[in-house]
């Protein structure tokens, strides 16, 4: 028998909001939960970013905007290592996206998945291909399967 639940608001059983954001509560979904949009049915957990990071080229980061990041390490010029709190299921199980917030519009980013628990970003100048430690920040989102 199929059931359907139609509600305007979901709150916890005490009727209160969540601790960090107003009017929020925790909703748990299984690994097989689906999203239905139009004629497409997709696996919901697979479509959600499992890691987000906003880091500067010196390795400092905006921790409040990070998700699943245990630490960021500054490497050589233009190189940062992002370590995960929760590992991915395999070294190549992730799809990485990134951008550099830089007003000169001539920067690029490469993201290597170096293992199940870390990624390396390389910022470079697109005109020369040289790695750069310019005073810009890098935003990264990683999609894939967690272990």
C-alpha atoms as a PDB file:
ATOM      1  CA  UNK A   1       0.000   0.000   0.000  1.00  0.00           C
ATOM      2  CA  UNK A   2       1.429   3.377  -1.026  1.00  0.00           C
ATOM      3  CA  UNK A   3       1.103   6.344   1.316  1.00  0.00           C
ATOM      4  CA  UNK A   4       1.525  10.047   0.732  1.00  0.00           C
ATOM      5  CA  UNK A   5       2.197  12.741   3.309  1.00  0.00           C
ATOM      6  CA  UNK A   6       1.275  16.353   2.472  1.00  0.00           C
ATOM      7  CA  UNK A   7       2.415  18.976   4.978  1.00  0.00           C
ATOM      8  CA  UNK A   8       3.445  22.635   4.987  1.00  0.00           C
ATOM      9  CA  UNK A   9       6.003  22.456   7.814  1.00  0.00           C
ATOM     10  CA  UNK A  10       7.980  19.694   9.528  1.00  0.00           C
ATOM     11  CA  UNK A  11       9.271  20.314  13.067  1.00  0.00           C
ATOM     12  CA  UNK A  12      10.612  17.996  15.759  1.00  0.00           C
ATOM     13  CA  UNK A  13       8.195  16.225  18.087  1.00  0.00           C
ATOM     14  CA  UNK A  14       8.547  18.989  20.704  1.00  0.00           C
ATOM     15  CA  UNK A  15       7.381  21.508  18.092  1.00  0.00           C
ATOM     16  CA  UNK A  16      10.594  23.513  18.222  1.00  0.00           C
ATOM     17  CA  UNK A  17      13.106  24.644  15.619  1.00  0.00           C
ATOM     18  CA  UNK A  18      16.611  23.295  15.200  1.00  0.00           C
ATOM     19  CA  UNK A  19      19.515  24.627  17.315  1.00  0.00           C
ATOM     20  CA  UNK A  20      21.574  26.325  14.606  1.00  0.00           C
ATOM     21  CA  UNK A  21      19.014  27.701  12.165  1.00  0.00           C
ATOM     22  CA  UNK A  22      15.501  28.945  12.824  1.00  0.00           C
ATOM     23  CA  UNK A  23      12.642  26.793  11.587  1.00  0.00           C
ATOM     24  CA  UNK A  24      14.755  23.711  10.844  1.00  0.00           C
ATOM     25  CA  UNK A  25      14.699  20.107  11.911  1.00  0.00           C
ATOM     26  CA  UNK A  26      16.617  16.961  10.971  1.00  0.00           C
ATOM     27  CA  UNK A  27      15.222  14.809   8.195  1.00  0.00           C
ATOM     28  CA  UNK A  28      16.898  11.468   7.547  1.00  0.00           C
ATOM     29  CA  UNK A  29      16.879   9.788   4.154  1.00  0.00           C
ATOM     30  CA  UNK A  30      18.210   6.365   3.196  1.00  0.00           C
ATOM     31  CA  UNK A  31      20.868   5.654   0.548  1.00  0.00           C
ATOM     32  CA  UNK A  32      18.085   4.537  -1.779  1.00  0.00           C
ATOM     33  CA  UNK A  33      15.874   7.648  -1.425  1.00  0.00           C
ATOM     34  CA  UNK A  34      14.746   9.080  -4.736  1.00  0.00           C
ATOM     35  CA  UNK A  35      14.030  12.519  -6.110  1.00  0.00           C
ATOM     36  CA  UNK A  36      11.295  12.708  -8.715  1.00  0.00           C
ATOM     37  CA  UNK A  37      11.336  15.706 -11.044  1.00  0.00           C
ATOM     38  CA  UNK A  38       9.302  15.716 -14.222  1.00  0.00           C
ATOM     39  CA  UNK A  39       9.828  12.357 -15.873  1.00  0.00           C
ATOM     40  CA  UNK A  40      13.181  11.696 -14.142  1.00  0.00           C
ATOM     41  CA  UNK A  41      13.705   9.649 -10.991  1.00  0.00           C
ATOM     42  CA  UNK A  42      17.151  10.126  -9.438  1.00  0.00           C
ATOM     43  CA  UNK A  43      18.961   8.849  -6.347  1.00  0.00           C
ATOM     44  CA  UNK A  44      18.824  11.783  -3.892  1.00  0.00           C
ATOM     45  CA  UNK A  45      21.964  11.097  -1.759  1.00  0.00           C
ATOM     46  CA  UNK A  46      24.174  10.690  -4.844  1.00  0.00           C
ATOM     47  CA  UNK A  47      23.205  14.163  -6.090  1.00  0.00           C
ATOM     48  CA  UNK A  48      24.227  16.025  -2.932  1.00  0.00           C
ATOM     49  CA  UNK A  49      27.709  17.507  -2.455  1.00  0.00           C
ATOM     50  CA  UNK A  50      29.657  15.459   0.099  1.00  0.00           C
ATOM     51  CA  UNK A  51      32.394  18.075   0.566  1.00  0.00           C
ATOM     52  CA  UNK A  52      32.489  21.842   0.178  1.00  0.00           C
ATOM     53  CA  UNK A  53      35.488  24.016   0.943  1.00  0.00           C
ATOM     54  CA  UNK A  54      36.414  27.669   0.597  1.00  0.00           C
ATOM     55  CA  UNK A  55      40.194  28.015   0.970  1.00  0.00           C
ATOM     56  CA  UNK A  56      42.778  30.706   0.315  1.00  0.00           C
ATOM     57  CA  UNK A  57      46.039  29.970  -1.448  1.00  0.00           C
ATOM     58  CA  UNK A  58      47.943  30.207   1.868  1.00  0.00           C
ATOM     59  CA  UNK A  59      45.961  27.221   3.215  1.00  0.00           C
ATOM     60  CA  UNK A  60      43.689  29.244   5.483  1.00  0.00           C
ATOM     61  CA  UNK A  61      40.013  28.532   5.056  1.00  0.00           C
ATOM     62  CA  UNK A  62      36.545  29.747   5.851  1.00  0.00           C
ATOM     63  CA  UNK A  63      35.707  26.873   8.203  1.00  0.00           C
ATOM     64  CA  UNK A  64      32.089  27.978   8.683  1.00  0.00           C
ATOM     65  CA  UNK A  65      31.386  27.340   4.980  1.00  0.00           C
ATOM     66  CA  UNK A  66      33.204  23.996   4.849  1.00  0.00           C
ATOM     67  CA  UNK A  67      31.465  20.616   4.860  1.00  0.00           C
ATOM     68  CA  UNK A  68      33.329  17.346   5.540  1.00  0.00           C
ATOM     69  CA  UNK A  69      36.735  19.102   5.743  1.00  0.00           C
ATOM     70  CA  UNK A  70      39.044  18.038   8.590  1.00  0.00           C
ATOM     71  CA  UNK A  71      41.975  20.268   7.578  1.00  0.00           C
ATOM     72  CA  UNK A  72      43.571  22.230   4.765  1.00  0.00           C
ATOM     73  CA  UNK A  73      47.319  22.185   4.212  1.00  0.00           C
ATOM     74  CA  UNK A  74      49.282  24.784   2.244  1.00  0.00           C
ATOM     75  CA  UNK A  75      51.641  23.148  -0.235  1.00  0.00           C
ATOM     76  CA  UNK A  76      53.968  24.776  -2.715  1.00  0.00           C
ATOM     77  CA  UNK A  77      52.873  27.811  -4.753  1.00  0.00           C
ATOM     78  CA  UNK A  78      49.268  27.376  -5.865  1.00  0.00           C
ATOM     79  CA  UNK A  79      48.836  23.983  -4.154  1.00  0.00           C
ATOM     80  CA  UNK A  80      46.523  23.105  -1.249  1.00  0.00           C
ATOM     81  CA  UNK A  81      45.639  19.700   0.216  1.00  0.00           C
ATOM     82  CA  UNK A  82      42.076  19.316   1.482  1.00  0.00           C
ATOM     83  CA  UNK A  83      41.620  16.440   3.940  1.00  0.00           C
ATOM     84  CA  UNK A  84      38.178  14.952   4.538  1.00  0.00           C
ATOM     85  CA  UNK A  85      36.445  14.181   7.816  1.00  0.00           C
ATOM     86  CA  UNK A  86      34.561  11.255   6.246  1.00  0.00           C
ATOM     87  CA  UNK A  87      36.294   9.229   3.536  1.00  0.00           C
ATOM     88  CA  UNK A  88      34.953   8.548   0.059  1.00  0.00           C
ATOM     89  CA  UNK A  89      34.308   4.951  -1.004  1.00  0.00           C
ATOM     90  CA  UNK A  90      37.210   4.893  -3.483  1.00  0.00           C
ATOM     91  CA  UNK A  91      39.933   7.251  -4.722  1.00  0.00           C
ATOM     92  CA  UNK A  92      38.124   7.776  -8.010  1.00  0.00           C
ATOM     93  CA  UNK A  93      34.598   7.731  -6.570  1.00  0.00           C
ATOM     94  CA  UNK A  94      34.365  11.511  -6.519  1.00  0.00           C
ATOM     95  CA  UNK A  95      33.462  14.186  -9.033  1.00  0.00           C
ATOM     96  CA  UNK A  96      35.118  17.475  -8.189  1.00  0.00           C
ATOM     97  CA  UNK A  97      34.118  20.987  -9.218  1.00  0.00           C
ATOM     98  CA  UNK A  98      35.961  24.177  -8.384  1.00  0.00           C
ATOM     99  CA  UNK A  99      36.330  27.852  -9.102  1.00  0.00           C
ATOM    100  CA  UNK A 100      38.682  30.651  -8.174  1.00  0.00           C
ATOM    101  CA  UNK A 101      37.220  33.951  -6.984  1.00  0.00           C
ATOM    102  CA  UNK A 102      39.573  36.340  -8.734  1.00  0.00           C
ATOM    103  CA  UNK A 103      38.711  39.595 -10.479  1.00  0.00           C
ATOM    104  CA  UNK A 104      41.402  39.182 -13.146  1.00  0.00           C
ATOM    105  CA  UNK A 105      39.520  36.298 -14.855  1.00  0.00           C
ATOM    106  CA  UNK A 106      42.707  34.511 -15.887  1.00  0.00           C
ATOM    107  CA  UNK A 107      42.966  31.794 -13.263  1.00  0.00           C
ATOM    108  CA  UNK A 108      42.177  28.108 -13.495  1.00  0.00           C
ATOM    109  CA  UNK A 109      41.941  25.238 -11.028  1.00  0.00           C
ATOM    110  CA  UNK A 110      42.760  21.547 -11.164  1.00  0.00           C
ATOM    111  CA  UNK A 111      41.489  19.140  -8.503  1.00  0.00           C
ATOM    112  CA  UNK A 112      43.173  15.759  -8.064  1.00  0.00           C
ATOM    113  CA  UNK A 113      41.490  13.046  -6.013  1.00  0.00           C
ATOM    114  CA  UNK A 114      44.611  11.646  -4.399  1.00  0.00           C
ATOM    115  CA  UNK A 115      42.892   9.043  -2.231  1.00  0.00           C
ATOM    116  CA  UNK A 116      39.719   8.330  -0.333  1.00  0.00           C
ATOM    117  CA  UNK A 117      40.464  10.970   2.321  1.00  0.00           C
ATOM    118  CA  UNK A 118      41.963  13.896   0.482  1.00  0.00           C
ATOM    119  CA  UNK A 119      42.113  16.115  -2.571  1.00  0.00           C
ATOM    120  CA  UNK A 120      44.790  18.447  -3.929  1.00  0.00           C
ATOM    121  CA  UNK A 121      43.897  21.720  -5.623  1.00  0.00           C
ATOM    122  CA  UNK A 122      46.269  23.487  -7.984  1.00  0.00           C
ATOM    123  CA  UNK A 123      45.591  27.110  -8.929  1.00  0.00           C
ATOM    124  CA  UNK A 124      47.270  28.331 -12.075  1.00  0.00           C
ATOM    125  CA  UNK A 125      47.357  31.303 -14.419  1.00  0.00           C
ATOM    126  CA  UNK A 126      45.501  30.270 -17.549  1.00  0.00           C
ATOM    127  CA  UNK A 127      47.645  32.333 -19.920  1.00  0.00           C
ATOM    128  CA  UNK A 128      50.948  30.681 -18.880  1.00  0.00           C
ATOM    129  CA  UNK A 129      49.875  27.552 -17.012  1.00  0.00           C
ATOM    130  CA  UNK A 130      52.168  28.496 -14.114  1.00  0.00           C
ATOM    131  CA  UNK A 131      50.988  27.721 -10.578  1.00  0.00           C
ATOM    132  CA  UNK A 132      50.014  30.860  -8.710  1.00  0.00           C
ATOM    133  CA  UNK A 133      49.722  31.846  -5.069  1.00  0.00           C
ATOM    134  CA  UNK A 134      47.734  34.981  -5.880  1.00  0.00           C
ATOM    135  CA  UNK A 135      45.646  36.391  -3.077  1.00  0.00           C
ATOM    136  CA  UNK A 136      42.472  34.633  -4.183  1.00  0.00           C
ATOM    137  CA  UNK A 137      40.259  31.975  -2.713  1.00  0.00           C
ATOM    138  CA  UNK A 138      39.250  28.650  -4.161  1.00  0.00           C
ATOM    139  CA  UNK A 139      35.774  27.187  -3.799  1.00  0.00           C
ATOM    140  CA  UNK A 140      35.483  23.415  -4.198  1.00  0.00           C
ATOM    141  CA  UNK A 141      32.526  21.012  -4.208  1.00  0.00           C
ATOM    142  CA  UNK A 142      32.998  17.238  -4.315  1.00  0.00           C
ATOM    143  CA  UNK A 143      30.208  14.837  -5.259  1.00  0.00           C
ATOM    144  CA  UNK A 144      30.407  11.064  -4.995  1.00  0.00           C
ATOM    145  CA  UNK A 145      29.914   8.142  -2.650  1.00  0.00           C
ATOM    146  CA  UNK A 146      31.106   8.196   0.951  1.00  0.00           C
ATOM    147  CA  UNK A 147      32.595   5.024   2.424  1.00  0.00           C
END
